[in-house]
Amino acid sequence: MAVGLGLGLSAQAMTFTPIEMDFSPTGRGATQIFRLENNTAEPAAVEMMIKSRAMAINGDDVLGDADDQFSIFPPQLVLQPGQQQSVRVQYIGAATIDKERAFRLVVEQLPVDLGEAPQDGGRMRLLVKYIASLYVVPRNVRALLSVSDAQIVKEDEQRWLRFKVQNEGGTRKILKNAKLIVGPLSLSGDALTGVEGENVLAQTARMFRVKLPAEVLSLDSPPRIVLE
């Protein structure tokens, strides 16, 4: 996820890669390398921090402090125009975990005056904020999805199927190529807009709703979700 702030947006900006990374709880895989690059004509001041990540039932992030879970080097830096910089991120939290742990790495360009001469016309710089996904993944974990609390609701003259997807497993699951089985019907593709591609973190529940086909009048059996 990347967010651009400011005016006078340009195709040139600071870049950060990758935006998703798995870590091992211990060993060589507990350290990963990221890369920053300043593609602008001006110096860029950058700050990085780690946040713990839980997930609300609507999918929103619930972030907390995680300063003691990772080591970042360097945590702050100034990138000169055209400069690239490797950033080392090391997980230093609990070595024994029974489920995947999710975090956010926040990489933010700061609105700091680095002493460059004012630009003609008062052009404002583009300030970029990247939010990367970090996962600390123990061995031999898998996702385990189930559908519950399904009900038919009517809103704005439209009938919807509202349901909860529970991931009782030890790792996240992206709902990719999902099929929702409702009685004799199999809903997929555009029929699952708002569900397809969504992330359900380990031991987390998400509420979804989809437009219900007219032929479904009742729920004779609990819906179930199938992933290809």
C-alpha atoms as a PDB file:
ATOM      1  CA  MET A   1       0.000   0.000   0.000  1.00  0.00           C
ATOM      2  CA  ALA A   2       1.368   3.394  -0.945  1.00  0.00           C
ATOM      3  CA  VAL A   3      -0.152   6.783  -0.230  1.00  0.00           C
ATOM      4  CA  GLY A   4       0.964   9.993  -1.926  1.00  0.00           C
ATOM      5  CA  LEU A   5       0.466  13.311  -0.177  1.00  0.00           C
ATOM      6  CA  GLY A   6       0.978  16.833  -1.417  1.00  0.00           C
ATOM      7  CA  LEU A   7       0.475  18.884  -4.571  1.00  0.00           C
ATOM      8  CA  GLY A   8       2.196  18.992  -7.927  1.00  0.00           C
ATOM      9  CA  LEU A   9       2.305  15.195  -8.174  1.00  0.00           C
ATOM     10  CA  SER A  10       5.021  13.781 -10.392  1.00  0.00           C
ATOM     11  CA  ALA A  11       5.698  10.364 -11.885  1.00  0.00           C
ATOM     12  CA  GLN A  12       8.980  10.496  -9.997  1.00  0.00           C
ATOM     13  CA  ALA A  13       8.845   9.611  -6.325  1.00  0.00           C
ATOM     14  CA  MET A  14      10.545   7.620  -3.629  1.00  0.00           C
ATOM     15  CA  THR A  15       9.988   3.873  -4.023  1.00  0.00           C
ATOM     16  CA  PHE A  16      10.097   1.048  -1.486  1.00  0.00           C
ATOM     17  CA  THR A  17      10.199  -2.685  -2.241  1.00  0.00           C
ATOM     18  CA  PRO A  18       8.949  -5.266  -1.518  1.00  0.00           C
ATOM     19  CA  ILE A  19       5.624  -4.379   0.096  1.00  0.00           C
ATOM     20  CA  GLU A  20       5.059  -7.867   1.536  1.00  0.00           C
ATOM     21  CA  MET A  21       7.548 -10.187   3.220  1.00  0.00           C
ATOM     22  CA  ASP A  22       7.513 -13.405   5.266  1.00  0.00           C
ATOM     23  CA  PHE A  23       9.906 -13.836   8.201  1.00  0.00           C
ATOM     24  CA  SER A  24      10.957 -16.935  10.093  1.00  0.00           C
ATOM     25  CA  PRO A  25      10.789 -16.774  13.901  1.00  0.00           C
ATOM     26  CA  THR A  26      14.485 -17.715  14.089  1.00  0.00           C
ATOM     27  CA  GLY A  27      17.495 -18.285  11.882  1.00  0.00           C
ATOM     28  CA  ARG A  28      18.480 -16.633   8.630  1.00  0.00           C
ATOM     29  CA  GLY A  29      14.878 -16.103   7.615  1.00  0.00           C
ATOM     30  CA  ALA A  30      14.327 -13.804  10.607  1.00  0.00           C
ATOM     31  CA  THR A  31      16.265 -11.088   8.741  1.00  0.00           C
ATOM     32  CA  GLN A  32      15.055  -9.639   5.442  1.00  0.00           C
ATOM     33  CA  ILE A  33      16.292  -6.846   3.191  1.00  0.00           C
ATOM     34  CA  PHE A  34      14.173  -4.069   1.726  1.00  0.00           C
ATOM     35  CA  ARG A  35      15.187  -1.357  -0.729  1.00  0.00           C
ATOM     36  CA  LEU A  36      14.516   2.367  -0.848  1.00  0.00           C
ATOM     37  CA  GLU A  37      15.192   4.468  -3.917  1.00  0.00           C
ATOM     38  CA  ASN A  38      14.875   8.224  -4.375  1.00  0.00           C
ATOM     39  CA  ASN A  39      13.835   8.889  -7.964  1.00  0.00           C
ATOM     40  CA  THR A  40      13.313  12.602  -7.435  1.00  0.00           C
ATOM     41  CA  ALA A  41      15.639  15.571  -7.952  1.00  0.00           C
ATOM     42  CA  GLU A  42      15.566  16.489  -4.245  1.00  0.00           C
ATOM     43  CA  PRO A  43      16.878  14.858  -1.044  1.00  0.00           C
ATOM     44  CA  ALA A  44      14.298  12.810   0.865  1.00  0.00           C
ATOM     45  CA  ALA A  45      14.171  12.277   4.631  1.00  0.00           C
ATOM     46  CA  VAL A  46      12.630   8.925   5.557  1.00  0.00           C
ATOM     47  CA  GLU A  47      11.516   7.326   8.818  1.00  0.00           C
ATOM     48  CA  MET A  48      10.502   3.679   9.343  1.00  0.00           C
ATOM     49  CA  MET A  49       8.622   1.968  12.156  1.00  0.00           C
ATOM     50  CA  ILE A  50       6.907  -1.370  12.848  1.00  0.00           C
ATOM     51  CA  LYS A  51       3.332  -1.759  14.104  1.00  0.00           C
ATOM     52  CA  SER A  52       1.611  -4.912  15.300  1.00  0.00           C
ATOM     53  CA  ARG A  53      -1.437  -5.706  13.225  1.00  0.00           C
ATOM     54  CA  ALA A  54      -4.765  -7.165  14.201  1.00  0.00           C
ATOM     55  CA  MET A  55      -7.852  -7.084  12.017  1.00  0.00           C
ATOM     56  CA  ALA A  56     -11.311  -5.760  12.859  1.00  0.00           C
ATOM     57  CA  ILE A  57     -14.301  -7.745  11.667  1.00  0.00           C
ATOM     58  CA  ASN A  58     -14.801  -5.251   8.800  1.00  0.00           C
ATOM     59  CA  GLY A  59     -11.202  -5.765   7.653  1.00  0.00           C
ATOM     60  CA  ASP A  60      -9.728  -2.548   9.045  1.00  0.00           C
ATOM     61  CA  ASP A  61      -6.275  -2.697  10.590  1.00  0.00           C
ATOM     62  CA  VAL A  62      -5.970  -2.410  14.359  1.00  0.00           C
ATOM     63  CA  LEU A  63      -2.379  -1.284  14.921  1.00  0.00           C
ATOM     64  CA  GLY A  64      -0.314  -1.335  18.097  1.00  0.00           C
ATOM     65  CA  ASP A  65       3.214  -0.675  19.275  1.00  0.00           C
ATOM     66  CA  ALA A  66       5.814  -3.255  18.218  1.00  0.00           C
ATOM     67  CA  ASP A  67       9.104  -1.457  18.824  1.00  0.00           C
ATOM     68  CA  ASP A  68      10.452  -4.452  20.751  1.00  0.00           C
ATOM     69  CA  GLN A  69       9.561  -7.015  18.057  1.00  0.00           C
ATOM     70  CA  PHE A  70      11.858  -5.885  15.234  1.00  0.00           C
ATOM     71  CA  SER A  71      15.179  -4.182  14.651  1.00  0.00           C
ATOM     72  CA  ILE A  72      15.396  -1.803  11.666  1.00  0.00           C
ATOM     73  CA  PHE A  73      18.696  -0.533  10.301  1.00  0.00           C
ATOM     74  CA  PRO A  74      18.764   2.277   9.531  1.00  0.00           C
ATOM     75  CA  PRO A  75      15.460   3.485  11.059  1.00  0.00           C
ATOM     76  CA  GLN A  76      15.913   7.019   9.675  1.00  0.00           C
ATOM     77  CA  LEU A  77      17.934   8.228   6.729  1.00  0.00           C
ATOM     78  CA  VAL A  78      18.299  10.908   4.080  1.00  0.00           C
ATOM     79  CA  LEU A  79      18.347   9.727   0.481  1.00  0.00           C
ATOM     80  CA  GLN A  80      20.084  11.943  -2.032  1.00  0.00           C
ATOM     81  CA  PRO A  81      18.627  12.277  -5.556  1.00  0.00           C
ATOM     82  CA  GLY A  82      19.034   8.974  -7.396  1.00  0.00           C
ATOM     83  CA  GLN A  83      20.375   7.182  -4.303  1.00  0.00           C
ATOM     84  CA  GLN A  84      19.411   3.610  -3.389  1.00  0.00           C
ATOM     85  CA  GLN A  85      19.564   2.272   0.149  1.00  0.00           C
ATOM     86  CA  SER A  86      19.159  -1.236   1.539  1.00  0.00           C
ATOM     87  CA  VAL A  87      17.236  -1.505   4.822  1.00  0.00           C
ATOM     88  CA  ARG A  88      17.735  -4.532   7.086  1.00  0.00           C
ATOM     89  CA  VAL A  89      14.725  -5.624   9.122  1.00  0.00           C
ATOM     90  CA  GLN A  90      15.172  -8.354  11.743  1.00  0.00           C
ATOM     91  CA  TYR A  91      12.493 -10.054  13.807  1.00  0.00           C
ATOM     92  CA  ILE A  92      13.622 -10.236  17.447  1.00  0.00           C
ATOM     93  CA  GLY A  93      10.345 -11.255  19.088  1.00  0.00           C
ATOM     94  CA  ALA A  94       9.354 -14.605  20.556  1.00  0.00           C
ATOM     95  CA  ALA A  95      11.188 -17.485  18.906  1.00  0.00           C
ATOM     96  CA  THR A  96       8.423 -20.002  19.603  1.00  0.00           C
ATOM     97  CA  ILE A  97       5.011 -19.077  18.205  1.00  0.00           C
ATOM     98  CA  ASP A  98       2.038 -21.303  17.368  1.00  0.00           C
ATOM     99  CA  LYS A  99       0.422 -19.058  14.758  1.00  0.00           C
ATOM    100  CA  GLU A 100       1.468 -16.487  12.204  1.00  0.00           C
ATOM    101  CA  ARG A 101       1.997 -12.959  13.537  1.00  0.00           C
ATOM    102  CA  ALA A 102       1.088  -9.995  11.356  1.00  0.00           C
ATOM    103  CA  PHE A 103       2.771  -6.582  11.353  1.00  0.00           C
ATOM    104  CA  ARG A 104       2.903  -3.396   9.310  1.00  0.00           C
ATOM    105  CA  LEU A 105       6.130  -1.683   8.268  1.00  0.00           C
ATOM    106  CA  VAL A 106       5.385   2.023   7.870  1.00  0.00           C
ATOM    107  CA  VAL A 107       7.829   3.898   5.636  1.00  0.00           C
ATOM    108  CA  GLU A 108       7.156   7.622   5.599  1.00  0.00           C
ATOM    109  CA  GLN A 109       8.839  10.479   3.795  1.00  0.00           C
ATOM    110  CA  LEU A 110       9.040  13.421   6.183  1.00  0.00           C
ATOM    111  CA  PRO A 111       8.236  17.058   5.346  1.00  0.00           C
ATOM    112  CA  VAL A 112      11.703  18.184   6.423  1.00  0.00           C
ATOM    113  CA  ASP A 113      13.499  21.216   4.969  1.00  0.00           C
ATOM    114  CA  LEU A 114      16.884  19.834   3.953  1.00  0.00           C
ATOM    115  CA  GLY A 115      18.244  23.187   2.876  1.00  0.00           C
ATOM    116  CA  GLU A 116      17.629  22.991  -0.869  1.00  0.00           C
ATOM    117  CA  ALA A 117      16.910  26.223  -2.729  1.00  0.00           C
ATOM    118  CA  PRO A 118      13.233  27.166  -3.208  1.00  0.00           C
ATOM    119  CA  GLN A 119      11.718  26.014  -6.475  1.00  0.00           C
ATOM    120  CA  ASP A 120      10.418  28.594  -8.957  1.00  0.00           C
ATOM    121  CA  GLY A 121       6.629  28.756  -8.916  1.00  0.00           C
ATOM    122  CA  GLY A 122       6.348  27.324  -5.393  1.00  0.00           C
ATOM    123  CA  ARG A 123       6.043  23.670  -6.506  1.00  0.00           C
ATOM    124  CA  MET A 124       5.325  21.361  -3.597  1.00  0.00           C
ATOM    125  CA  ARG A 125       7.155  18.085  -3.135  1.00  0.00           C
ATOM    126  CA  LEU A 126       5.422  14.727  -3.269  1.00  0.00           C
ATOM    127  CA  LEU A 127       5.529  13.019   0.118  1.00  0.00           C
ATOM    128  CA  VAL A 128       5.086   9.262  -0.050  1.00  0.00           C
ATOM    129  CA  LYS A 129       4.000   6.813   2.629  1.00  0.00           C
ATOM    130  CA  TYR A 130       4.356   3.063   2.123  1.00  0.00           C
ATOM    131  CA  ILE A 131       2.660   0.522   4.377  1.00  0.00           C
ATOM    132  CA  ALA A 132       4.163  -2.931   3.899  1.00  0.00           C
ATOM    133  CA  SER A 133       2.822  -6.247   5.211  1.00  0.00           C
ATOM    134  CA  LEU A 134       5.143  -8.349   7.377  1.00  0.00           C
ATOM    135  CA  TYR A 135       4.321 -11.865   8.543  1.00  0.00           C
ATOM    136  CA  VAL A 136       6.280 -14.003  10.995  1.00  0.00           C
ATOM    137  CA  VAL A 137       5.384 -17.544   9.973  1.00  0.00           C
ATOM    138  CA  PRO A 138       6.078 -20.674  12.047  1.00  0.00           C
ATOM    139  CA  ARG A 139       6.470 -24.028  10.337  1.00  0.00           C
ATOM    140  CA  ASN A 140       3.613 -26.350   9.466  1.00  0.00           C
ATOM    141  CA  VAL A 141       0.724 -23.911   9.768  1.00  0.00           C
ATOM    142  CA  ARG A 142      -2.240 -23.673   7.440  1.00  0.00           C
ATOM    143  CA  ALA A 143      -5.454 -21.728   7.126  1.00  0.00           C
ATOM    144  CA  LEU A 144      -8.772 -23.281   8.146  1.00  0.00           C
ATOM    145  CA  LEU A 145     -11.836 -21.387   6.879  1.00  0.00           C
ATOM    146  CA  SER A 146     -15.493 -21.771   7.772  1.00  0.00           C
ATOM    147  CA  VAL A 147     -18.676 -19.788   7.091  1.00  0.00           C
ATOM    148  CA  SER A 148     -21.138 -18.985   9.867  1.00  0.00           C
ATOM    149  CA  ASP A 149     -23.805 -16.495  10.976  1.00  0.00           C
ATOM    150  CA  ALA A 150     -25.293 -16.373   7.473  1.00  0.00           C
ATOM    151  CA  GLN A 151     -28.546 -14.481   7.066  1.00  0.00           C
ATOM    152  CA  ILE A 152     -30.564 -12.820   4.343  1.00  0.00           C
ATOM    153  CA  VAL A 153     -31.035  -9.088   4.865  1.00  0.00           C
ATOM    154  CA  LYS A 154     -32.787  -6.411   2.823  1.00  0.00           C
ATOM    155  CA  GLU A 155     -31.221  -2.993   2.392  1.00  0.00           C
ATOM    156  CA  ASP A 156     -32.137  -0.289  -0.158  1.00  0.00           C
ATOM    157  CA  GLU A 157     -34.593  -2.651  -1.885  1.00  0.00           C
ATOM    158  CA  GLN A 158     -31.787  -5.166  -2.444  1.00  0.00           C
ATOM    159  CA  ARG A 159     -31.511  -8.604  -0.868  1.00  0.00           C
ATOM    160  CA  TRP A 160     -28.095  -9.465   0.494  1.00  0.00           C
ATOM    161  CA  LEU A 161     -26.469 -12.506   1.982  1.00  0.00           C
ATOM    162  CA  ARG A 162     -24.472 -11.463   5.016  1.00  0.00           C
ATOM    163  CA  PHE A 163     -22.049 -13.997   6.476  1.00  0.00           C
ATOM    164  CA  LYS A 164     -18.942 -14.412   8.604  1.00  0.00           C
ATOM    165  CA  VAL A 165     -15.747 -16.082   7.403  1.00  0.00           C
ATOM    166  CA  GLN A 166     -13.727 -17.457  10.290  1.00  0.00           C
ATOM    167  CA  ASN A 167     -10.084 -18.429   9.874  1.00  0.00           C
ATOM    168  CA  GLU A 168      -9.335 -20.805  12.735  1.00  0.00           C
ATOM    169  CA  GLY A 169      -5.987 -21.808  11.270  1.00  0.00           C
ATOM    170  CA  GLY A 170      -2.466 -20.653  11.953  1.00  0.00           C
ATOM    171  CA  THR A 171      -1.783 -18.561   8.852  1.00  0.00           C
ATOM    172  CA  ARG A 172      -3.527 -15.934   6.735  1.00  0.00           C
ATOM    173  CA  LYS A 173      -5.662 -16.762   3.738  1.00  0.00           C
ATOM    174  CA  ILE A 174      -6.349 -14.609   0.699  1.00  0.00           C
ATOM    175  CA  LEU A 175      -9.830 -15.312  -0.685  1.00  0.00           C
ATOM    176  CA  LYS A 176      -8.595 -15.827  -4.240  1.00  0.00           C
ATOM    177  CA  ASN A 177     -10.696 -17.631  -6.847  1.00  0.00           C
ATOM    178  CA  ALA A 178     -13.311 -18.055  -4.150  1.00  0.00           C
ATOM    179  CA  LYS A 179     -16.659 -19.787  -4.638  1.00  0.00           C
ATOM    180  CA  LEU A 180     -19.540 -19.366  -2.217  1.00  0.00           C
ATOM    181  CA  ILE A 181     -21.860 -22.351  -2.261  1.00  0.00           C
ATOM    182  CA  VAL A 182     -25.439 -21.349  -1.382  1.00  0.00           C
ATOM    183  CA  GLY A 183     -27.777 -24.311  -1.744  1.00  0.00           C
ATOM    184  CA  PRO A 184     -27.572 -25.422  -5.394  1.00  0.00           C
ATOM    185  CA  LEU A 185     -25.882 -22.194  -6.476  1.00  0.00           C
ATOM    186  CA  SER A 186     -22.160 -21.454  -6.767  1.00  0.00           C
ATOM    187  CA  LEU A 187     -21.306 -17.742  -6.609  1.00  0.00           C
ATOM    188  CA  SER A 188     -17.925 -16.562  -7.896  1.00  0.00           C
ATOM    189  CA  GLY A 189     -16.200 -13.761  -9.813  1.00  0.00           C
ATOM    190  CA  ASP A 190     -18.211 -10.520  -9.945  1.00  0.00           C
ATOM    191  CA  ALA A 191     -20.900 -12.095  -7.763  1.00  0.00           C
ATOM    192  CA  LEU A 192     -18.358 -12.028  -4.922  1.00  0.00           C
ATOM    193  CA  THR A 193     -17.308  -8.393  -5.287  1.00  0.00           C
ATOM    194  CA  GLY A 194     -16.059  -7.278  -1.871  1.00  0.00           C
ATOM    195  CA  VAL A 195     -15.007 -10.828  -0.981  1.00  0.00           C
ATOM    196  CA  GLU A 196     -12.638 -11.868  -3.784  1.00  0.00           C
ATOM    197  CA  GLY A 197      -9.028 -10.960  -2.961  1.00  0.00           C
ATOM    198  CA  GLU A 198      -9.695 -10.108   0.685  1.00  0.00           C
ATOM    199  CA  ASN A 199      -7.316 -11.215   3.436  1.00  0.00           C
ATOM    200  CA  VAL A 200      -8.397 -13.120   6.547  1.00  0.00           C
ATOM    201  CA  LEU A 201      -5.599 -13.189   9.114  1.00  0.00           C
ATOM    202  CA  ALA A 202      -4.882 -16.206  11.287  1.00  0.00           C
ATOM    203  CA  GLN A 203      -7.510 -16.778  13.991  1.00  0.00           C
ATOM    204  CA  THR A 204      -9.523 -13.825  12.754  1.00  0.00           C
ATOM    205  CA  ALA A 205     -13.117 -13.401  11.592  1.00  0.00           C
ATOM    206  CA  ARG A 206     -14.392 -11.168   8.773  1.00  0.00           C
ATOM    207  CA  MET A 207     -17.980 -10.163   7.955  1.00  0.00           C
ATOM    208  CA  PHE A 208     -18.951  -9.929   4.280  1.00  0.00           C
ATOM    209  CA  ARG A 209     -22.075  -9.416   2.244  1.00  0.00           C
ATOM    210  CA  VAL A 210     -22.930 -10.206  -1.373  1.00  0.00           C
ATOM    211  CA  LYS A 211     -25.976  -9.500  -3.522  1.00  0.00           C
ATOM    212  CA  LEU A 212     -28.280 -12.458  -3.389  1.00  0.00           C
ATOM    213  CA  PRO A 213     -29.699 -13.996  -6.586  1.00  0.00           C
ATOM    214  CA  ALA A 214     -33.486 -13.768  -6.818  1.00  0.00           C
ATOM    215  CA  GLU A 215     -33.890 -17.553  -6.876  1.00  0.00           C
ATOM    216  CA  VAL A 216     -32.497 -17.901  -3.350  1.00  0.00           C
ATOM    217  CA  LEU A 217     -35.487 -17.475  -1.078  1.00  0.00           C
ATOM    218  CA  SER A 218     -34.121 -19.098   2.055  1.00  0.00           C
ATOM    219  CA  LEU A 219     -31.034 -20.762   3.479  1.00  0.00           C
ATOM    220  CA  ASP A 220     -31.892 -24.450   3.620  1.00  0.00           C
ATOM    221  CA  SER A 221     -28.285 -25.316   4.488  1.00  0.00           C
ATOM    222  CA  PRO A 222     -25.345 -23.257   5.769  1.00  0.00           C
ATOM    223  CA  PRO A 223     -23.341 -21.599   2.970  1.00  0.00           C
ATOM    224  CA  ARG A 224     -19.759 -22.699   2.546  1.00  0.00           C
ATOM    225  CA  ILE A 225     -16.745 -21.143   0.879  1.00  0.00           C
ATOM    226  CA  VAL A 226     -14.419 -23.025  -1.450  1.00  0.00           C
ATOM    227  CA  LEU A 227     -11.027 -21.814  -2.681  1.00  0.00           C
ATOM    228  CA  GLU A 228      -9.408 -23.150  -5.833  1.00  0.00           C
END
